[in-house]
Amino acid sequence: MRNLPLMLEFGALGEKKYTFFAPSNEAFENIPSRVSQHYQLTSNIVRKEKDDIMRYHTVLAELKTAEMVKNETVKTYDTDANLFIYVSNKGERFVNGAKLEGEEIIASNGVIHIINTLMYERGQSVNAYSYITTVGTQLSNPSERTTSEFNKLLTRYLENERTQHAGHFNARDELRGGHSKTVTVFVPSDDAIANIPQQQLTLLKADSTQLKKVIEGHLILGGVYHTDLLLRPEFNDLVAMDGRIVVKKFLGKVYVSNTCAQGLVTHGNITVSNGVVHIVDGLLGYVYSDAITLLHDQRKYQWFYSHVKTATAIANMLTLPRGTTVVPESRMYSVFAPVGVTGLDLTQDIDKLDSVMRMHVIKGRIEISDMKNNTKRVTMNSDQTATFYQVDDAVFIEVNYVRARITHGDICVKNGILHNIDAVLGVPVETIATAISANTKQLLSLLKSVRNTGLWTYLNDRTKRVTMFAPVDKAFQSMLDDSLGRKLLDPRYERNLKLLLERHIITEEVFLDTITDSKTFKTKLGDDIEITKEGSEYHVRFGSNVVGVIQSNMRMTNGVLHLIDGVLYSDDPSTGEWVSRAPVTSQCYILLALLSSYITSLTEYDDVITPTVLMSTKCLIQNRI
């Protein structure tokens, strides 16, 4: 922040002492892109906002670490907003969920504490109730932050409370800072409530008991939990005013649920005078539909819904009889619903359609927490088993060698649970080439090499059936550690790079789970490579070089893709490595150019045709061009 020095200057005025919570460098690096882009603007309004944020990090008093007590509230400098202090059982200190790091820094005009998060959401001077009913209803961005629709539900709830529970503390009292003093509240955005069919909202408003449970299920009383605190293990399961709120982190995002119905925190950490407000994308505690109804109601499931309805047996399986209140375990299902699918029509072959749709349904409820690495479950297509994988923070499901990433999980319905996925299971849609192109996080070096060597067309040909062992970026980087590897990556040896890549291609489909011990295959280049199984791991051997398979059996429209952690080359003399040959000389390029000229004009230069052809052919043979 450029305006940080302005705040530190205030200490020069008289004998005042200050406490400044200074975000670390890492804190600035982790600012959401929408926030950092906003603060790069140079308007007077943005400059004032930055000044206000720095003031929000400043307290007009000297507050040393040892003086901080649990659940303490302090006023910030020149504002009416609060900061909330939390002290863990281990003595860790937090301010608005930001953790204090390292030792405090004593200055002549106060004390500085380094924190791991920038508090870019400046605190509000109003209480939680006023924010929901006034501030949040007047914001200009309805998709992220407005609270008008939840306010309508809250109003109906309060009308019921006045007639049915007069004199009792209710949600409004707590939101104003009543009996419990502080509150954490999760507020569904207007868009979240708009996703609920109007008929279901009408039923909810008419059922005062259900509405009371839903409204009060969004409040945690007596605690201020910003998202950084919510992600700590001791706060993953919290008592709400009604029910319990469970917190999960998935793909770096924070999800909360009550009675299974969940919401993603889309705009969190709005600090108010008596706690914190988090905007979420779902109404907690209200499960109103069966699986088929949810698929019908939300546009993102349009492709999947239309295919499920055509496969009538699956549609019937996911539909509850009208009036069902208690669903037996035998009628519970886990549904993996592809979203964003275009241009794929499976309805012309009903038998295949039914088979594929069954691959997306598993009997019983499976939550994200149940999807441990290599966990297997039989799908409703009894011939196909689903396998779950965890890669970094992501969770994948694989059926019939086609893998899909779970993009949003644990969406509750009356007869089970639904997970959004990014691909259709059992039906490959990408070629090996396009799959490499789509995985630039791991295969950027390979992508460049495939394009530069002309192998893209071969690996993009849907008429072929080949297997590619794809080295990840770290594998190419490790080649720079030895002279042979550096030669292979030298642009002058481009032809050798192509031959090297051909060693990673087998001209047939090879699924590794069909190999029980070891098996040797001939590559496109003509070399032999050996695939071995050791326990649950697979390795590929070329000469003395052995590399590991880190992701296997990805079915493509033209074959199979496996990711490996090394490049298949070796300086073992027994391999007959060809890399030591000199690069193509400029003379050879000239001869090739003459040959090209001859081919395009067969009647000219008859006196040079024969020697040119001979010398060019010699170049081709020597350099394997």
Foldseek 3Di string as FASTA:
>chain_A
DVCLVVVVVVLVPPQWAKEFAAEDPLQVVPDPPVLVVLLVDDDPVSVVLVVLLRQLRMARHAAALVNDDAQDWGATHPDLFIWTWHADPVRWIDILLWTFDDHWDQDSRHIYTYTHHRLSQRAAAAFQLCCLQPVLCPDDDQVFTHRVVVVVLVVLLVVCCCVPPPPDDAPNCQSRLHPQRAKEFEGEGPQLVVLDDPVLVVVLSVDNVQSRLQRQVGMAGNDADFPSNCPDPVNQWGDTSHAIWGWDAFPNWIKIAGPLAIWTQRAWSHHYRRHTYTYTNYRHPDADAWPLVSLVSDPQQVVVSVLCVLLVVNSVLRHDPPPDDADDLQSAKEFEGEGPDPDDDPNVDNVVSNLQRQQRIFRGADFPVNQDAQDWGQTSNNVWIWGWHDDPRWIWIAILLAIWTFPAWSRDHNRYTYTYTHDRHPDADAFPLVVLVVPCVWRVVVNVLCVLLVVSVVRRDLVFAKEFAGETPQQLVCLVVDPLSVLLVPPLLSVLVNLQRQQRMARHADFPVVDDAKDWGQTSSGAIWMWGDDPPWIWIDDDPDIWTFPAFRRDHSRYTYTYIHHGPDDPPVVNVDDSPQGGQDVVLVVLVVVQVVCVVPVPPPPVCNVVSVVVNVVSCVSSVD
